[in-house]
Amino acid sequence: MATIVGNRTLRSVLEYRARTAPERTFLIYDDLDGEVTRLSYGAFDAQVNRAAHLLLGLSVRSGDKINLHLPNCPAFLYLWFGAAKIGAVIMPTNVAATADELAFMVEHSESALAFTYAAHAQLLGEVKGRCHGLREVLYCDPAEVFEARLAEHPRTPPPGDCASRDEVAILYTSGTTARPKGVLVTNANYLYAGETVAKAIRLAPEDRHFVTMPLFHGNAQYYSTMSALVSGASMALMARFSASAYFERCIHHRCTVTSLFAAPIRMLLAQPPDPVAASNRLRAAVFAQNVTATQLDEWHARFGAPLLQLWGMTETMGTPLMNPIDGERRNMTMGLPTLGYEVQVVDEQGKPVTDGEVGQIVVRGEPGESLMKGYFKNPEATAETLRDGWLWSGDNARRDADGYFVFVDRAKDMIKRSGENVAASEVEAVILTHPKVFDCAVIGVPDPIRDEAIKAFVVIEAGEQLTAEEVIEWCGERLARFRVPEQVAFRDALPRTSVGKIQKHLLRRER
C-alpha cells in the first residue's frame, strides 16, 4: 500500500482541485510574444476532459501510448492529463530530436499516435514512414484551431478509471552516454515526486512556479507541475527559456519559486546587469548540477533569489537530496537526504563507505511509488539499476562529516590515468574558475602508456582569448600533476541535452 500517495491518481487529484477550488488559478501560459493564457483549476480540468474525449474518439484506450512531440504549451498539459484520465500512457520527446532519435523512441515505446506542431511535420512524416505502429500524426497548432477541435468534445469527465500503480508515462533518459532507456512512471510516482518537492520547499496554494524548463523532461513535470498540483498552487509556464526575458516575466507573473540547471544559471549571469531583476519575489530557486562558488556569490548579489542545490534523476522521481530550505545551505553540495528517501554512498559491493570516501549514490525506495517502476522492455537494465530495494544511480559522490553529499562524477566519467582515478568534474571545476572560461567539459581519451589521457574541451568567454598552454598551466598550479589535462580543444559551444547536461559521448566521438 502506498504511503503519502494512498490510492490517489493524477485524475483524482486534479478533479479534487477542480471541485474544491474551481476559480483558483492553476495555469498561466506565456508565449513570450505578447499572448498570455490563464486557466483556473476548473477551466483546466474541463480542457483536460475534452482532450480525454478527443483521445477516446481516436481509439486510444487504457495502456495505449501516445507521443507528445511538443514544445511548452497548454496542449501538452491537456493531453498529458487527458491521457492519464483514461489510463493511456504519454511518451514526451525533445522537439530538437533527430529523425533517428525520435524514430527509436516512437518505435521502442510502441506509440500509436503522435501530437506535434506543423513545424515538425516533415520530421514526423519521416518517422511515421519508419515506425509502422504509428498510425497517425496530429497537430496542436495553430492554438486556436486545436482549441476549437477540443471544443467539439464534452467538458464532462470521460469514462474509464485507473489505479495508483498504473503506468501513465514513459520518459526516456537524456542519453548522455548511450541509447536512452524508457523510464516507466506511474500515477503514484508522479504524486510522490510532487509531494516530496512541495514539502521540501514548503509549497502553499499562494505560491506560483516559474516554469522555463521543457515539459518533456522530468524536471518540469516532477518538480514544478506536480508539486503545484498536489499543493493547490499555480504555475506560470513559459513557451521556452529566455535569458533576456527571464526576470522580467518572472516579476510580471508574481512567481515565488522556480527550478533551474547550471547552464541556464550561467546564461542569466551572462546577461547585462539590471537592478530590476533583484525585485523578483522568488523565495526558492532549486537547481541541479554544479556551479562555481563565484557564480553562486554573483547570483545572490545580483538577483537575491535563494538557491538550493538538489540531486535527483528521472528514475528517482522526487529529489532524494536537497539543501534544506530552513537549515544551513551548502550549495557547493547536493544537500541532505529529503523526507521519504534513504540515501547512501557505497562501494562496488554495495557496502557503505566511510565519510569522505568516494562511492556510488544508492537510494532506497519502492519501485512504482518513490522509484521508477522499471525500464520499459529492458529487464536487464532494470535488474542492474534496481537491486534489493535500492536504486543504483551511476553517480559518484562523497558524504562529509555533517551528512552533506558532494557530487564527484558520473561513474562512467571517471578517468583511469596511470593507476589513478581522476574525476572529470574536479578538473572541470578548476578550469571553470579561470576568468576567461565560460564553459568546459573533460573526458578521458585512450593513451598507450597511461591507459587514458585527460582532454579538456573549453568555451572561452565572449571577447576573450586563451591558449591551451594557459589552461594547462592554470590547472597545473591548482591540481596534482596526474589530474592536469594533456590536451585542450576549444569549442564555440558544448553539445548539451535540453536540460543542460553535457553529451560527453558526442565529444568522445570527436576525438
Protein backbone atom coordinates (compact mmCIF):
# COMPACT_ATOMS: atom_id res chain seq x y z
CA MET A 1 0.00 0.00 0.00
CA ALA A 2 1.31 3.45 -0.92
CA THR A 3 2.14 5.81 1.91
CA ILE A 4 1.92 9.54 1.19
CA VAL A 5 0.22 8.75 -2.12
CA GLY A 6 -2.56 6.48 -0.91
CA ASN A 7 -4.82 5.43 -3.76
CA ARG A 8 -4.71 8.80 -5.48
CA THR A 9 -4.11 9.28 -9.20
CA LEU A 10 -3.48 12.25 -11.45
CA ARG A 11 -7.17 12.15 -12.29
CA SER A 12 -8.43 12.09 -8.72
CA VAL A 13 -6.13 14.90 -7.56
CA LEU A 14 -6.94 17.17 -10.49
CA GLU A 15 -10.67 16.56 -10.13
CA TYR A 16 -10.42 17.28 -6.41
CA ARG A 17 -8.78 20.64 -7.12
CA ALA A 18 -11.35 21.46 -9.79
CA ARG A 19 -14.17 20.56 -7.42
CA THR A 20 -12.92 22.36 -4.30
CA ALA A 21 -11.21 25.41 -5.84
CA PRO A 22 -12.66 25.77 -9.35
CA GLU A 23 -11.88 29.50 -9.65
CA ARG A 24 -8.33 29.37 -8.30
CA THR A 25 -5.67 29.99 -10.97
CA PHE A 26 -3.69 26.90 -11.93
CA LEU A 27 -2.05 27.68 -15.28
CA ILE A 28 -0.67 30.85 -16.81
CA TYR A 29 0.83 30.27 -20.25
CA ASP A 30 3.09 32.96 -21.70
CA ASP A 31 4.14 32.53 -25.33
CA LEU A 32 6.76 35.29 -24.83
CA ASP A 33 5.36 37.08 -27.89
CA GLY A 34 2.67 39.03 -26.06
CA GLU A 35 -0.07 36.42 -25.64
CA VAL A 36 -0.91 35.17 -22.14
CA THR A 37 -3.49 32.48 -21.36
CA ARG A 38 -4.90 31.99 -17.85
CA LEU A 39 -6.86 28.96 -16.70
CA SER A 40 -8.39 28.20 -13.33
CA TYR A 41 -8.39 24.68 -11.95
CA GLY A 42 -11.98 24.27 -13.13
CA ALA A 43 -11.28 25.56 -16.65
CA PHE A 44 -8.11 23.49 -16.94
CA ASP A 45 -9.92 20.32 -15.87
CA ALA A 46 -12.62 20.99 -18.46
CA GLN A 47 -9.99 21.22 -21.20
CA VAL A 48 -8.37 18.04 -19.94
CA ASN A 49 -11.74 16.26 -20.12
CA ARG A 50 -12.17 17.42 -23.70
CA ALA A 51 -8.68 16.15 -24.54
CA ALA A 52 -9.58 12.79 -22.98
CA HIS A 53 -12.71 12.55 -25.12
CA LEU A 54 -10.63 13.51 -28.17
CA LEU A 55 -8.26 10.63 -27.45
CA LEU A 56 -11.14 8.20 -26.97
CA GLY A 57 -12.52 9.32 -30.32
CA LEU A 58 -9.13 8.47 -31.84
CA SER A 59 -9.44 4.93 -30.45
CA VAL A 60 -6.91 5.48 -27.67
CA ARG A 61 -7.57 3.06 -24.85
CA SER A 62 -6.07 2.19 -21.47
CA GLY A 63 -2.43 1.19 -21.86
CA ASP A 64 -2.01 2.74 -25.32
CA LYS A 65 0.99 5.02 -25.84
CA ILE A 66 0.94 8.46 -27.42
CA ASN A 67 3.95 10.56 -28.38
CA LEU A 68 3.91 14.24 -27.35
CA HIS A 69 6.47 15.90 -29.62
CA LEU A 70 5.57 19.35 -28.39
CA PRO A 71 7.21 22.49 -27.01
CA ASN A 72 5.91 24.05 -23.81
CA CYS A 73 2.23 24.77 -24.46
CA PRO A 74 -1.18 24.16 -22.87
CA ALA A 75 -1.87 21.33 -25.35
CA PHE A 76 0.94 19.31 -23.80
CA LEU A 77 -0.71 19.56 -20.38
CA TYR A 78 -4.22 18.84 -21.68
CA LEU A 79 -3.03 15.69 -23.45
CA TRP A 80 -0.85 14.54 -20.53
CA PHE A 81 -3.67 14.71 -18.01
CA GLY A 82 -6.31 13.71 -20.54
CA ALA A 83 -4.37 10.53 -21.31
CA ALA A 84 -3.96 9.85 -17.58
CA LYS A 85 -7.73 10.12 -17.06
CA ILE A 86 -8.37 7.23 -19.47
CA GLY A 87 -5.33 5.17 -18.46
CA ALA A 88 -3.27 5.92 -21.57
CA VAL A 89 0.50 6.50 -21.44
CA ILE A 90 2.32 9.58 -22.74
CA MET A 91 5.80 9.43 -24.24
CA PRO A 92 7.15 13.00 -24.46
CA THR A 93 10.12 13.77 -26.72
CA ASN A 94 12.54 16.62 -27.24
CA VAL A 95 11.45 18.81 -30.16
CA ALA A 96 15.14 19.09 -31.10
CA ALA A 97 15.45 15.31 -31.57
CA THR A 98 16.74 13.99 -34.88
CA ALA A 99 14.74 11.59 -37.03
CA ASP A 100 16.88 8.67 -35.87
CA GLU A 101 16.47 9.57 -32.19
CA LEU A 102 12.73 10.13 -32.47
CA ALA A 103 12.14 7.01 -34.56
CA PHE A 104 13.90 4.89 -31.95
CA MET A 105 11.74 6.21 -29.11
CA VAL A 106 8.47 6.07 -31.05
CA GLU A 107 9.16 2.51 -32.20
CA HIS A 108 10.51 1.28 -28.88
CA SER A 109 7.64 2.80 -26.89
CA GLU A 110 5.02 1.38 -29.29
CA SER A 111 3.42 4.81 -29.68
CA ALA A 112 0.25 4.68 -31.77
CA LEU A 113 -0.31 8.45 -32.15
CA ALA A 114 1.94 11.49 -32.21
CA PHE A 115 0.93 15.06 -31.38
CA THR A 116 3.19 17.82 -32.64
CA TYR A 117 3.40 21.26 -34.26
CA ALA A 118 3.28 21.85 -38.01
CA ALA A 119 6.92 22.93 -37.91
CA HIS A 120 7.81 19.29 -37.29
CA ALA A 121 5.56 17.84 -39.99
CA GLN A 122 8.41 16.72 -42.23
CA LEU A 123 10.25 15.09 -39.34
CA LEU A 124 7.17 13.24 -38.10
CA GLY A 125 6.33 12.22 -41.63
CA GLU A 126 9.71 10.56 -41.92
CA VAL A 127 9.31 8.91 -38.53
CA LYS A 128 5.83 7.65 -39.43
CA GLY A 129 7.25 6.02 -42.54
CA ARG A 130 9.79 4.17 -40.40
CA CYS A 131 7.50 3.24 -37.48
CA HIS A 132 4.64 1.06 -38.73
CA GLY A 133 2.89 1.14 -35.35
CA LEU A 134 2.48 4.93 -35.55
CA ARG A 135 -0.89 5.19 -37.23
CA GLU A 136 -1.49 8.95 -37.19
CA VAL A 137 0.22 12.31 -36.61
CA LEU A 138 -1.97 15.15 -35.28
CA TYR A 139 -1.19 18.84 -34.97
CA CYS A 140 -1.77 21.11 -31.98
CA ASP A 141 -1.20 24.39 -33.78
CA PRO A 142 -2.38 26.96 -34.50
CA ALA A 143 -3.57 27.04 -30.91
CA GLU A 144 -7.00 28.41 -31.81
CA VAL A 145 -7.55 25.54 -34.25
CA PHE A 146 -6.62 22.94 -31.64
CA GLU A 147 -8.78 24.65 -29.03
CA ALA A 148 -11.69 24.62 -31.49
CA ARG A 149 -11.18 20.90 -32.02
CA LEU A 150 -11.25 20.34 -28.27
CA ALA A 151 -14.45 22.40 -28.03
CA GLU A 152 -16.19 19.79 -30.18
CA HIS A 153 -15.95 17.37 -27.26
CA PRO A 154 -17.80 17.42 -23.91
CA ARG A 155 -16.24 19.01 -20.86
CA THR A 156 -17.65 16.28 -18.65
CA PRO A 157 -15.35 13.61 -17.14
CA PRO A 158 -14.59 10.78 -19.56
CA PRO A 159 -15.44 7.16 -18.83
CA GLY A 160 -12.65 4.98 -17.53
CA ASP A 161 -10.60 4.55 -14.43
CA CYS A 162 -7.03 3.82 -13.43
CA ALA A 163 -5.15 2.75 -10.33
CA SER A 164 -2.38 4.48 -8.42
CA ARG A 165 0.25 2.00 -9.59
CA ASP A 166 -0.81 2.09 -13.25
CA GLU A 167 1.74 3.45 -15.72
CA VAL A 168 0.92 6.85 -17.21
CA ALA A 169 4.23 7.89 -18.82
CA ILE A 170 7.42 6.64 -20.40
CA LEU A 171 10.20 9.22 -20.00
CA TYR A 172 13.30 8.41 -21.99
CA THR A 173 16.57 9.29 -20.32
CA SER A 174 18.62 12.02 -21.93
CA GLY A 175 21.13 9.64 -23.47
CA THR A 176 24.36 11.40 -22.47
CA THR A 177 26.31 8.13 -22.65
CA ALA A 178 24.27 5.65 -24.72
CA ARG A 179 20.84 4.84 -26.16
CA PRO A 180 18.11 6.31 -23.95
CA LYS A 181 16.13 3.98 -21.70
CA GLY A 182 12.40 4.35 -21.16
CA VAL A 183 11.61 5.08 -17.51
CA LEU A 184 8.16 3.78 -16.53
CA VAL A 185 6.28 6.36 -14.45
CA THR A 186 3.08 5.55 -12.55
CA ASN A 187 0.40 7.79 -11.08
CA ALA A 188 1.95 7.13 -7.66
CA ASN A 189 5.38 8.11 -8.97
CA TYR A 190 4.16 11.49 -10.16
CA LEU A 191 2.32 12.19 -6.93
CA TYR A 192 5.24 11.06 -4.77
CA ALA A 193 7.54 13.40 -6.68
CA GLY A 194 5.12 16.28 -6.26
CA GLU A 195 4.61 15.67 -2.56
CA THR A 196 8.30 15.40 -1.72
CA VAL A 197 9.26 18.55 -3.61
CA ALA A 198 6.26 20.51 -2.29
CA LYS A 199 7.13 19.60 1.28
CA ALA A 200 10.85 20.27 0.82
CA ILE A 201 10.20 23.87 -0.28
CA ARG A 202 7.01 24.41 1.81
CA LEU A 203 4.83 24.99 -1.24
CA ALA A 204 1.41 26.51 -0.46
CA PRO A 205 -1.64 27.48 -2.54
CA GLU A 206 -0.37 31.07 -2.64
CA ASP A 207 2.86 30.03 -4.38
CA ARG A 208 3.47 30.18 -8.11
CA HIS A 209 6.07 28.17 -10.01
CA PHE A 210 8.03 29.93 -12.75
CA VAL A 211 8.44 27.13 -15.30
CA THR A 212 11.02 27.67 -18.03
CA MET A 213 12.36 24.12 -18.31
CA PRO A 214 10.92 21.89 -21.08
CA LEU A 215 7.77 19.96 -20.21
CA PHE A 216 9.00 16.82 -21.92
CA HIS A 217 11.63 16.46 -19.19
CA GLY A 218 11.08 15.07 -15.71
CA ASN A 219 12.20 18.30 -14.04
CA ALA A 220 9.26 20.40 -15.21
CA GLN A 221 6.85 17.51 -14.71
CA TYR A 222 8.01 16.25 -11.30
CA TYR A 223 9.33 19.35 -9.56
CA SER A 224 7.07 22.06 -10.97
CA THR A 225 3.77 20.78 -12.36
CA MET A 226 3.20 18.00 -9.84
CA SER A 227 4.27 19.95 -6.76
CA ALA A 228 1.92 22.76 -7.81
CA LEU A 229 -0.96 20.33 -8.32
CA VAL A 230 -0.64 18.44 -5.04
CA SER A 231 -0.41 21.68 -3.05
CA GLY A 232 -3.08 23.64 -4.91
CA ALA A 233 -0.53 26.19 -6.13
CA SER A 234 -0.22 27.64 -9.65
CA MET A 235 2.36 27.67 -12.42
CA ALA A 236 3.45 30.25 -14.97
CA LEU A 237 4.62 28.25 -17.97
CA MET A 238 6.91 29.98 -20.44
CA ALA A 239 6.99 28.84 -24.05
CA ARG A 240 10.75 28.47 -23.72
CA PHE A 241 13.69 29.56 -21.62
CA SER A 242 14.73 33.13 -22.41
CA ALA A 243 17.69 34.56 -20.50
CA SER A 244 16.93 38.12 -21.63
CA ALA A 245 13.25 37.97 -20.58
CA TYR A 246 13.65 35.68 -17.57
CA PHE A 247 13.36 38.04 -14.62
CA GLU A 248 11.03 40.50 -16.36
CA ARG A 249 8.46 37.70 -16.92
CA CYS A 250 9.11 36.16 -13.51
CA ILE A 251 8.34 39.50 -11.86
CA HIS A 252 5.35 40.17 -14.12
CA HIS A 253 3.71 36.85 -13.20
CA ARG A 254 4.49 37.29 -9.48
CA CYS A 255 6.28 33.93 -9.23
CA THR A 256 7.67 32.71 -5.91
CA VAL A 257 9.60 29.51 -6.75
CA THR A 258 11.46 28.13 -9.75
CA SER A 259 13.71 25.32 -10.95
CA LEU A 260 16.94 25.68 -12.93
CA PHE A 261 20.08 23.92 -14.10
CA ALA A 262 23.65 25.13 -14.09
CA ALA A 263 23.67 26.10 -17.77
CA PRO A 264 20.66 28.47 -17.52
CA ILE A 265 22.16 29.96 -14.36
CA ARG A 266 25.33 30.79 -16.30
CA MET A 267 23.25 32.23 -19.13
CA LEU A 268 21.42 34.50 -16.71
CA LEU A 269 24.67 35.65 -15.15
CA ALA A 270 25.96 36.47 -18.64
CA GLN A 271 23.13 38.98 -19.13
CA PRO A 272 23.88 42.69 -18.64
CA PRO A 273 23.26 43.79 -15.04
CA ASP A 274 19.72 45.01 -14.45
CA PRO A 275 18.77 46.34 -10.99
CA VAL A 276 15.11 45.49 -11.66
CA ALA A 277 15.94 41.77 -11.64
CA ALA A 278 16.57 41.92 -7.90
CA SER A 279 12.94 42.92 -7.29
CA ASN A 280 11.76 39.40 -8.03
CA ARG A 281 9.61 37.57 -5.46
CA LEU A 282 11.46 34.24 -5.67
CA ARG A 283 11.86 32.70 -2.23
CA ALA A 284 13.37 29.43 -3.52
CA ALA A 285 15.19 28.51 -6.72
CA VAL A 286 16.10 24.84 -6.75
CA PHE A 287 18.84 23.83 -9.15
CA ALA A 288 20.85 20.84 -10.26
CA GLN A 289 24.42 20.44 -11.49
CA ASN A 290 27.43 22.28 -10.17
CA VAL A 291 28.16 25.96 -10.50
CA THR A 292 31.22 27.66 -9.06
CA ALA A 293 31.38 29.42 -5.72
CA THR A 294 31.99 32.69 -7.57
CA GLN A 295 28.86 32.16 -9.65
CA LEU A 296 26.83 31.43 -6.52
CA ASP A 297 28.04 34.67 -4.93
CA GLU A 298 27.30 36.66 -8.07
CA TRP A 299 23.82 35.16 -8.35
CA HIS A 300 22.87 36.11 -4.81
CA ALA A 301 24.39 39.57 -5.16
CA ARG A 302 22.55 40.34 -8.39
CA PHE A 303 19.24 38.50 -8.03
CA GLY A 304 18.76 37.69 -4.35
CA ALA A 305 16.68 34.59 -5.12
CA PRO A 306 17.81 31.88 -2.64
CA LEU A 307 19.40 28.92 -4.45
CA LEU A 308 19.05 25.35 -3.20
CA GLN A 309 21.13 22.73 -4.97
CA LEU A 310 19.49 19.32 -5.22
CA TRP A 311 20.10 15.92 -6.76
CA GLY A 312 17.63 13.68 -8.49
CA MET A 313 17.19 11.55 -11.58
CA THR A 314 14.35 10.67 -13.91
CA GLU A 315 14.45 7.29 -12.15
CA THR A 316 14.20 8.68 -8.58
CA MET A 317 11.04 10.72 -9.19
CA GLY A 318 11.46 13.22 -6.36
CA THR A 319 14.67 14.76 -5.09
CA PRO A 320 16.44 12.36 -2.70
CA LEU A 321 18.96 15.10 -1.86
CA MET A 322 18.38 18.82 -1.43
CA ASN A 323 19.82 21.68 0.53
CA PRO A 324 17.38 22.49 3.35
CA ILE A 325 15.12 25.49 2.97
CA ASP A 326 15.22 26.15 6.72
CA GLY A 327 18.67 24.83 7.58
CA GLU A 328 22.25 25.51 6.59
CA ARG A 329 22.59 25.67 2.82
CA ARG A 330 25.85 24.41 1.39
CA ASN A 331 25.20 24.94 -2.28
CA MET A 332 28.54 23.51 -3.37
CA THR A 333 26.98 20.23 -2.20
CA MET A 334 23.79 18.42 -3.22
CA GLY A 335 22.45 18.79 0.28
CA LEU A 336 20.95 16.29 2.72
CA PRO A 337 18.51 13.38 2.27
CA THR A 338 14.94 14.62 1.95
CA LEU A 339 11.84 13.33 3.69
CA GLY A 340 10.85 9.93 2.33
CA TYR A 341 14.26 8.88 0.97
CA GLU A 342 17.19 6.91 2.37
CA VAL A 343 20.47 7.65 0.59
CA GLN A 344 23.87 6.02 0.98
CA VAL A 345 27.28 6.10 -0.66
CA VAL A 346 28.54 2.56 -1.29
CA ASP A 347 31.45 0.67 -2.83
CA GLU A 348 31.18 -1.76 -5.76
CA GLN A 349 29.97 -4.50 -3.42
CA GLY A 350 27.19 -2.29 -2.06
CA LYS A 351 28.81 -1.71 1.32
CA PRO A 352 28.60 1.83 2.75
CA VAL A 353 31.91 3.71 2.58
CA THR A 354 33.17 5.96 5.35
CA ASP A 355 32.57 9.71 5.28
CA GLY A 356 34.93 11.41 2.87
CA GLU A 357 35.39 8.34 0.67
CA VAL A 358 34.06 8.29 -2.88
CA GLY A 359 31.41 5.75 -3.80
CA GLN A 360 28.21 5.40 -5.78
CA ILE A 361 24.95 7.00 -4.66
CA VAL A 362 22.21 4.46 -3.96
CA VAL A 363 18.64 5.28 -2.97
CA ARG A 364 16.24 3.01 -1.11
CA GLY A 365 12.64 3.16 -2.24
CA GLU A 366 9.57 1.41 -3.55
CA PRO A 367 9.50 0.77 -7.32
CA GLY A 368 6.34 2.23 -8.77
CA GLU A 369 5.99 4.77 -5.98
CA SER A 370 9.15 6.53 -4.77
CA LEU A 371 11.33 4.99 -7.51
CA MET A 372 10.62 4.26 -11.15
CA LYS A 373 8.65 1.12 -11.86
CA GLY A 374 11.44 -0.03 -14.19
CA TYR A 375 12.76 0.44 -17.72
CA PHE A 376 10.29 -0.31 -20.50
CA LYS A 377 11.13 -3.56 -22.31
CA ASN A 378 14.58 -3.66 -20.72
CA PRO A 379 14.63 -6.17 -17.86
CA GLU A 380 18.43 -6.39 -17.87
CA ALA A 381 18.89 -2.65 -17.27
CA THR A 382 16.08 -2.70 -14.70
CA ALA A 383 17.77 -5.52 -12.76
CA GLU A 384 21.11 -3.70 -12.89
CA THR A 385 19.63 -0.45 -11.59
CA LEU A 386 17.05 -1.72 -9.07
CA ARG A 387 18.70 -4.16 -6.67
CA ASP A 388 17.03 -5.40 -3.48
CA GLY A 389 15.06 -2.21 -2.94
CA TRP A 390 17.96 0.12 -3.81
CA LEU A 391 18.38 2.20 -6.95
CA TRP A 392 21.99 2.33 -8.15
CA SER A 393 22.35 5.80 -9.63
CA GLY A 394 25.64 5.61 -11.51
CA ASP A 395 26.65 8.89 -9.83
CA ASN A 396 29.73 9.01 -7.62
CA ALA A 397 29.76 11.20 -4.52
CA ARG A 398 31.20 11.51 -1.05
CA ARG A 399 29.45 12.45 2.18
CA ASP A 400 31.03 14.94 4.54
CA ALA A 401 31.10 14.68 8.33
CA ASP A 402 27.84 16.67 8.62
CA GLY A 403 25.95 14.42 6.21
CA TYR A 404 26.00 16.68 3.14
CA PHE A 405 26.57 14.86 -0.15
CA VAL A 406 29.20 16.19 -2.57
CA PHE A 407 28.90 15.20 -6.23
CA VAL A 408 32.09 13.80 -7.74
CA ASP A 409 31.18 12.46 -11.18
CA ARG A 410 29.20 10.04 -13.21
CA ALA A 411 30.73 6.61 -12.62
CA LYS A 412 31.26 6.37 -16.39
CA ASP A 413 33.09 9.72 -16.36
CA MET A 414 35.88 8.59 -14.05
CA ILE A 415 39.17 8.74 -15.93
CA LYS A 416 41.72 5.96 -15.36
CA ARG A 417 45.18 7.54 -15.65
CA SER A 418 48.36 5.67 -14.70
CA GLY A 419 46.57 3.72 -11.99
CA GLU A 420 44.88 6.80 -10.56
CA ASN A 421 41.14 7.56 -10.66
CA VAL A 422 40.54 11.12 -11.84
CA ALA A 423 37.09 12.65 -11.52
CA ALA A 424 36.38 14.72 -14.62
CA SER A 425 34.20 17.07 -12.56
CA GLU A 426 37.11 18.02 -10.29
CA VAL A 427 39.19 19.06 -13.29
CA GLU A 428 36.22 20.90 -14.79
CA ALA A 429 35.65 22.78 -11.54
CA VAL A 430 39.21 24.16 -11.66
CA ILE A 431 39.03 25.14 -15.32
CA LEU A 432 35.72 26.93 -14.75
CA THR A 433 37.37 29.20 -12.19
CA HIS A 434 39.57 30.70 -14.94
CA PRO A 435 38.22 34.22 -15.60
CA LYS A 436 38.34 33.72 -19.38
CA VAL A 437 36.46 30.40 -19.39
CA PHE A 438 32.69 30.29 -19.94
CA ASP A 439 32.17 26.53 -20.10
CA CYS A 440 34.14 23.31 -20.23
CA ALA A 441 33.97 19.52 -20.28
CA VAL A 442 36.67 16.97 -19.50
CA ILE A 443 36.90 13.41 -20.80
CA GLY A 444 39.39 10.57 -20.89
CA VAL A 445 40.88 9.56 -24.24
CA PRO A 446 42.90 6.41 -24.97
CA ASP A 447 46.62 6.62 -24.19
CA PRO A 448 49.02 3.75 -24.97
CA ILE A 449 51.15 4.44 -21.89
CA ARG A 450 48.80 5.84 -19.22
CA ASP A 451 45.57 3.97 -20.13
CA GLU A 452 43.80 7.29 -20.57
CA ALA A 453 44.90 10.87 -21.12
CA ILE A 454 42.87 13.85 -19.91
CA LYS A 455 41.34 16.09 -22.57
CA ALA A 456 39.52 19.34 -21.87
CA PHE A 457 37.01 21.00 -24.19
CA VAL A 458 36.84 24.72 -23.40
CA VAL A 459 34.43 27.50 -24.38
CA ILE A 460 36.02 30.93 -23.96
CA GLU A 461 34.15 33.96 -22.63
CA ALA A 462 32.99 36.30 -25.42
CA GLY A 463 35.71 38.74 -26.45
CA GLU A 464 38.50 36.91 -24.61
CA GLN A 465 41.50 34.97 -25.90
CA LEU A 466 43.03 31.89 -24.31
CA THR A 467 45.59 29.27 -25.29
CA ALA A 468 45.84 25.59 -24.45
CA GLU A 469 49.10 26.25 -22.65
CA GLU A 470 47.41 28.79 -20.39
CA VAL A 471 44.67 26.31 -19.47
CA ILE A 472 47.21 23.60 -18.69
CA GLU A 473 49.30 26.00 -16.63
CA TRP A 474 46.19 27.15 -14.70
CA CYS A 475 45.39 23.54 -13.84
CA GLY A 476 48.99 22.72 -13.00
CA GLU A 477 49.01 25.40 -10.31
CA ARG A 478 45.84 24.02 -8.71
CA LEU A 479 45.77 20.27 -9.29
CA ALA A 480 48.01 17.30 -8.63
CA ARG A 481 50.08 16.51 -11.69
CA PHE A 482 48.15 13.36 -12.60
CA ARG A 483 44.92 15.41 -12.79
CA VAL A 484 46.24 18.05 -15.21
CA PRO A 485 44.91 17.80 -18.79
CA GLU A 486 47.40 16.91 -21.51
CA GLN A 487 45.11 18.06 -24.30
CA VAL A 488 42.89 21.14 -24.67
CA ALA A 489 40.45 21.79 -27.51
CA PHE A 490 38.41 24.94 -27.94
CA ARG A 491 34.76 24.97 -29.00
CA ASP A 492 32.16 27.67 -29.63
CA ALA A 493 29.70 25.61 -27.58
CA LEU A 494 29.40 22.20 -25.95
CA PRO A 495 26.79 19.66 -27.02
CA ARG A 496 24.11 19.60 -24.35
CA THR A 497 20.78 17.96 -23.76
CA SER A 498 17.65 20.08 -23.48
CA VAL A 499 18.21 20.45 -19.73
CA GLY A 500 21.85 21.37 -19.92
CA LYS A 501 23.64 18.05 -19.41
CA ILE A 502 26.80 17.82 -21.47
CA GLN A 503 26.64 14.99 -24.02
CA LYS A 504 30.11 13.63 -23.47
CA HIS A 505 29.53 10.66 -25.74
CA LEU A 506 29.45 13.13 -28.65
CA LEU A 507 32.75 14.66 -27.51
CA ARG A 508 34.29 11.19 -27.28
CA ARG A 509 33.29 10.54 -30.88
CA GLU A 510 35.07 13.76 -31.96
CA ARG A 511 38.44 12.80 -30.63
